[in-house]
Amino acid sequence: MNELERFSSGVDHQPLTKTKNTLTSLEVYDQYGAMAYGIILQIIPQPHLAQEVLVSVFSSPLLQSCNSYPFTFAVCVIKLARAKAVEAKRKIMALAPVGDDFGTNSDVSPQAIFDLAFRQGFTPEEVAGRLNISKSEVLRSFHEFFKSYRNA
């Protein structure tokens, strides 16, 4: 018996694509709620605010558009959760801005640069401008950050 026969013999594998049935918001929440909440908490570390954002993610009409992406449903939820969290954080910061210690922070490690872009919601151009480095250095830091996680 070759590897392919051994792999497919008698085992009922789930297909890679979704069935024609779309997931309801409750089913999506059951499958991806914890993941989305974890992402939101990284951006907004206040649990009560993070829970409000989580509700807005799973009540968003954009969530149903994720059903049309069979291979990337989790990615769609991640993107939506991050976008809603960054939007909420920007609204909070506009209401009660805290001091901008960005300029005094000399940490230009790949982890710090990724945190600024992912958790703080800054674009690569904004990160580069605030840290006085080039955009290509910011993108190179992203690459180094992901490479360090692949090798870990």
C-alpha atoms as a PDB file:
ATOM      1  CA  MET A   1       0.000   0.000   0.000  1.00  0.00           C
ATOM      2  CA  ASN A   2       1.500   3.341  -0.994  1.00  0.00           C
ATOM      3  CA  GLU A   3       1.293   6.544   1.042  1.00  0.00           C
ATOM      4  CA  LEU A   4      -1.716   7.895  -0.843  1.00  0.00           C
ATOM      5  CA  GLU A   5      -3.707   4.695  -0.378  1.00  0.00           C
ATOM      6  CA  ARG A   6      -2.784   4.534   3.309  1.00  0.00           C
ATOM      7  CA  PHE A   7      -3.822   8.169   3.756  1.00  0.00           C
ATOM      8  CA  SER A   8      -7.208   7.758   2.128  1.00  0.00           C
ATOM      9  CA  SER A   9      -8.103   4.215   3.144  1.00  0.00           C
ATOM     10  CA  GLY A  10     -11.207   4.071   5.275  1.00  0.00           C
ATOM     11  CA  VAL A  11     -10.834   7.498   6.791  1.00  0.00           C
ATOM     12  CA  ASP A  12     -13.618   9.991   6.274  1.00  0.00           C
ATOM     13  CA  HIS A  13     -11.803  13.277   5.732  1.00  0.00           C
ATOM     14  CA  GLN A  14     -13.654  16.552   5.751  1.00  0.00           C
ATOM     15  CA  PRO A  15     -13.505  18.342   2.431  1.00  0.00           C
ATOM     16  CA  LEU A  16     -11.303  21.412   2.183  1.00  0.00           C
ATOM     17  CA  THR A  17     -14.164  23.555   0.936  1.00  0.00           C
ATOM     18  CA  LYS A  18     -17.272  24.412   2.886  1.00  0.00           C
ATOM     19  CA  THR A  19     -20.630  23.018   2.033  1.00  0.00           C
ATOM     20  CA  LYS A  20     -23.218  25.269   0.486  1.00  0.00           C
ATOM     21  CA  ASN A  21     -24.704  25.903   3.922  1.00  0.00           C
ATOM     22  CA  THR A  22     -23.467  29.147   5.350  1.00  0.00           C
ATOM     23  CA  LEU A  23     -22.598  29.547   9.000  1.00  0.00           C
ATOM     24  CA  THR A  24     -24.859  31.581  11.235  1.00  0.00           C
ATOM     25  CA  SER A  25     -23.424  34.325  13.413  1.00  0.00           C
ATOM     26  CA  LEU A  26     -23.831  32.086  16.473  1.00  0.00           C
ATOM     27  CA  GLU A  27     -21.940  29.223  14.794  1.00  0.00           C
ATOM     28  CA  VAL A  28     -19.203  31.624  13.766  1.00  0.00           C
ATOM     29  CA  TYR A  29     -19.025  32.941  17.326  1.00  0.00           C
ATOM     30  CA  ASP A  30     -18.774  29.396  18.703  1.00  0.00           C
ATOM     31  CA  GLN A  31     -15.897  28.574  16.346  1.00  0.00           C
ATOM     32  CA  TYR A  32     -13.987  31.852  16.258  1.00  0.00           C
ATOM     33  CA  GLY A  33     -15.135  33.927  19.237  1.00  0.00           C
ATOM     34  CA  ALA A  34     -12.215  33.098  21.524  1.00  0.00           C
ATOM     35  CA  MET A  35      -9.694  33.797  18.774  1.00  0.00           C
ATOM     36  CA  ALA A  36     -11.310  37.129  17.903  1.00  0.00           C
ATOM     37  CA  TYR A  37     -11.516  38.134  21.576  1.00  0.00           C
ATOM     38  CA  GLY A  38      -7.814  37.375  22.038  1.00  0.00           C
ATOM     39  CA  ILE A  39      -6.923  39.587  19.089  1.00  0.00           C
ATOM     40  CA  ILE A  40      -9.146  42.378  20.344  1.00  0.00           C
ATOM     41  CA  LEU A  41      -7.618  42.162  23.838  1.00  0.00           C
ATOM     42  CA  GLN A  42      -4.149  42.613  22.352  1.00  0.00           C
ATOM     43  CA  ILE A  43      -5.295  45.911  20.877  1.00  0.00           C
ATOM     44  CA  ILE A  44      -7.698  47.020  23.626  1.00  0.00           C
ATOM     45  CA  PRO A  45      -6.545  45.501  26.931  1.00  0.00           C
ATOM     46  CA  GLN A  46      -9.672  46.607  28.840  1.00  0.00           C
ATOM     47  CA  PRO A  47     -11.970  43.528  28.979  1.00  0.00           C
ATOM     48  CA  HIS A  48     -15.243  45.461  29.091  1.00  0.00           C
ATOM     49  CA  LEU A  49     -14.321  47.508  26.010  1.00  0.00           C
ATOM     50  CA  ALA A  50     -12.951  44.437  24.257  1.00  0.00           C
ATOM     51  CA  GLN A  51     -16.248  42.637  24.856  1.00  0.00           C
ATOM     52  CA  GLU A  52     -18.151  45.529  23.277  1.00  0.00           C
ATOM     53  CA  VAL A  53     -15.911  45.322  20.220  1.00  0.00           C
ATOM     54  CA  LEU A  54     -16.404  41.546  20.111  1.00  0.00           C
ATOM     55  CA  VAL A  55     -20.162  42.067  19.994  1.00  0.00           C
ATOM     56  CA  SER A  56     -19.760  44.551  17.155  1.00  0.00           C
ATOM     57  CA  VAL A  57     -17.619  42.039  15.231  1.00  0.00           C
ATOM     58  CA  PHE A  58     -20.191  39.264  15.436  1.00  0.00           C
ATOM     59  CA  SER A  59     -23.134  41.564  14.776  1.00  0.00           C
ATOM     60  CA  SER A  60     -21.476  43.175  11.777  1.00  0.00           C
ATOM     61  CA  PRO A  61     -23.039  42.632   8.358  1.00  0.00           C
ATOM     62  CA  LEU A  62     -19.486  42.201   7.066  1.00  0.00           C
ATOM     63  CA  LEU A  63     -19.266  38.918   8.968  1.00  0.00           C
ATOM     64  CA  GLN A  64     -21.667  37.224   6.569  1.00  0.00           C
ATOM     65  CA  SER A  65     -19.421  38.163   3.651  1.00  0.00           C
ATOM     66  CA  CYS A  66     -16.829  35.836   5.184  1.00  0.00           C
ATOM     67  CA  ASN A  67     -19.032  32.919   4.111  1.00  0.00           C
ATOM     68  CA  SER A  68     -17.956  33.477   0.525  1.00  0.00           C
ATOM     69  CA  TYR A  69     -14.295  32.755   1.372  1.00  0.00           C
ATOM     70  CA  PRO A  70     -14.166  28.997   2.051  1.00  0.00           C
ATOM     71  CA  PHE A  71     -10.448  28.744   2.766  1.00  0.00           C
ATOM     72  CA  THR A  72     -10.001  31.963   4.701  1.00  0.00           C
ATOM     73  CA  PHE A  73     -12.954  32.226   7.043  1.00  0.00           C
ATOM     74  CA  ALA A  74     -10.678  32.470  10.099  1.00  0.00           C
ATOM     75  CA  VAL A  75      -8.546  35.090   8.349  1.00  0.00           C
ATOM     76  CA  CYS A  76     -11.666  37.079   7.531  1.00  0.00           C
ATOM     77  CA  VAL A  77     -12.726  37.005  11.206  1.00  0.00           C
ATOM     78  CA  ILE A  78      -9.197  38.024  12.280  1.00  0.00           C
ATOM     79  CA  LYS A  79      -9.167  40.949   9.868  1.00  0.00           C
ATOM     80  CA  LEU A  80     -12.625  42.084  10.942  1.00  0.00           C
ATOM     81  CA  ALA A  81     -11.779  41.788  14.666  1.00  0.00           C
ATOM     82  CA  ARG A  82      -8.545  43.729  14.206  1.00  0.00           C
ATOM     83  CA  ALA A  83     -10.212  46.428  12.117  1.00  0.00           C
ATOM     84  CA  LYS A  84     -13.025  46.917  14.641  1.00  0.00           C
ATOM     85  CA  ALA A  85     -10.566  46.976  17.560  1.00  0.00           C
ATOM     86  CA  VAL A  86      -8.255  49.496  15.895  1.00  0.00           C
ATOM     87  CA  GLU A  87     -11.255  51.658  14.983  1.00  0.00           C
ATOM     88  CA  ALA A  88     -12.515  51.554  18.582  1.00  0.00           C
ATOM     89  CA  LYS A  89      -9.052  52.311  19.940  1.00  0.00           C
ATOM     90  CA  ARG A  90      -8.719  55.333  17.659  1.00  0.00           C
ATOM     91  CA  LYS A  91     -12.098  56.623  18.856  1.00  0.00           C
ATOM     92  CA  ILE A  92     -11.018  56.159  22.470  1.00  0.00           C
ATOM     93  CA  MET A  93      -7.708  57.910  21.824  1.00  0.00           C
ATOM     94  CA  ALA A  94      -9.505  60.816  20.152  1.00  0.00           C
ATOM     95  CA  LEU A  95     -11.688  61.272  23.230  1.00  0.00           C
ATOM     96  CA  ALA A  96      -8.935  60.957  25.809  1.00  0.00           C
ATOM     97  CA  PRO A  97      -5.524  61.223  24.199  1.00  0.00           C
ATOM     98  CA  VAL A  98      -2.601  60.105  26.278  1.00  0.00           C
ATOM     99  CA  GLY A  99       0.860  61.563  25.938  1.00  0.00           C
ATOM    100  CA  ASP A 100       2.702  60.595  22.788  1.00  0.00           C
ATOM    101  CA  ASP A 101       5.701  58.697  24.121  1.00  0.00           C
ATOM    102  CA  PHE A 102       6.227  57.335  20.649  1.00  0.00           C
ATOM    103  CA  GLY A 103       9.044  59.736  19.881  1.00  0.00           C
ATOM    104  CA  THR A 104      10.988  58.917  23.048  1.00  0.00           C
ATOM    105  CA  ASN A 105      10.756  55.187  22.455  1.00  0.00           C
ATOM    106  CA  SER A 106      13.955  54.113  20.731  1.00  0.00           C
ATOM    107  CA  ASP A 107      12.949  50.442  20.519  1.00  0.00           C
ATOM    108  CA  VAL A 108      13.071  49.569  16.845  1.00  0.00           C
ATOM    109  CA  SER A 109      13.082  45.804  17.343  1.00  0.00           C
ATOM    110  CA  PRO A 110      10.968  43.737  14.952  1.00  0.00           C
ATOM    111  CA  GLN A 111       8.605  42.889  17.857  1.00  0.00           C
ATOM    112  CA  ALA A 112       8.110  46.559  18.761  1.00  0.00           C
ATOM    113  CA  ILE A 113       7.550  47.590  15.153  1.00  0.00           C
ATOM    114  CA  PHE A 114       5.032  44.778  14.606  1.00  0.00           C
ATOM    115  CA  ASP A 115       3.229  45.765  17.816  1.00  0.00           C
ATOM    116  CA  LEU A 116       2.928  49.348  16.628  1.00  0.00           C
ATOM    117  CA  ALA A 117       1.477  48.265  13.315  1.00  0.00           C
ATOM    118  CA  PHE A 118      -0.755  45.418  14.493  1.00  0.00           C
ATOM    119  CA  ARG A 119      -1.830  46.425  17.987  1.00  0.00           C
ATOM    120  CA  GLN A 120      -1.705  50.187  17.642  1.00  0.00           C
ATOM    121  CA  GLY A 121      -3.045  50.283  14.092  1.00  0.00           C
ATOM    122  CA  PHE A 122      -0.343  52.479  12.573  1.00  0.00           C
ATOM    123  CA  THR A 123       0.428  52.087   8.885  1.00  0.00           C
ATOM    124  CA  PRO A 124       3.997  51.190   7.896  1.00  0.00           C
ATOM    125  CA  GLU A 125       4.439  54.781   6.714  1.00  0.00           C
ATOM    126  CA  GLU A 126       3.311  56.158  10.091  1.00  0.00           C
ATOM    127  CA  VAL A 127       5.610  53.782  11.985  1.00  0.00           C
ATOM    128  CA  ALA A 128       8.539  54.761   9.764  1.00  0.00           C
ATOM    129  CA  GLY A 129       7.862  58.459  10.221  1.00  0.00           C
ATOM    130  CA  ARG A 130       7.499  58.274  13.969  1.00  0.00           C
ATOM    131  CA  LEU A 131      10.590  56.109  14.480  1.00  0.00           C
ATOM    132  CA  ASN A 132      12.614  58.034  11.904  1.00  0.00           C
ATOM    133  CA  ILE A 133      13.372  54.938   9.871  1.00  0.00           C
ATOM    134  CA  SER A 134      12.541  54.092   6.276  1.00  0.00           C
ATOM    135  CA  LYS A 135       9.414  52.246   5.229  1.00  0.00           C
ATOM    136  CA  SER A 136      11.613  49.473   3.823  1.00  0.00           C
ATOM    137  CA  GLU A 137      13.162  49.036   7.294  1.00  0.00           C
ATOM    138  CA  VAL A 138       9.667  48.710   8.750  1.00  0.00           C
ATOM    139  CA  LEU A 139       8.734  46.071   6.167  1.00  0.00           C
ATOM    140  CA  ARG A 140      12.044  44.275   6.740  1.00  0.00           C
ATOM    141  CA  SER A 141      11.226  44.230  10.471  1.00  0.00           C
ATOM    142  CA  PHE A 142       7.876  42.598   9.708  1.00  0.00           C
ATOM    143  CA  HIS A 143       9.725  39.942   7.730  1.00  0.00           C
ATOM    144  CA  GLU A 144      12.189  39.372  10.596  1.00  0.00           C
ATOM    145  CA  PHE A 145       9.332  39.178  13.109  1.00  0.00           C
ATOM    146  CA  PHE A 146       7.499  36.494  11.129  1.00  0.00           C
ATOM    147  CA  LYS A 147      10.724  34.635  10.376  1.00  0.00           C
ATOM    148  CA  SER A 148      11.549  34.476  14.089  1.00  0.00           C
ATOM    149  CA  TYR A 149       8.150  32.889  14.799  1.00  0.00           C
ATOM    150  CA  ARG A 150       8.535  30.332  12.016  1.00  0.00           C
ATOM    151  CA  ASN A 151      11.882  29.224  13.434  1.00  0.00           C
ATOM    152  CA  ALA A 152      10.671  29.100  17.029  1.00  0.00           C
END
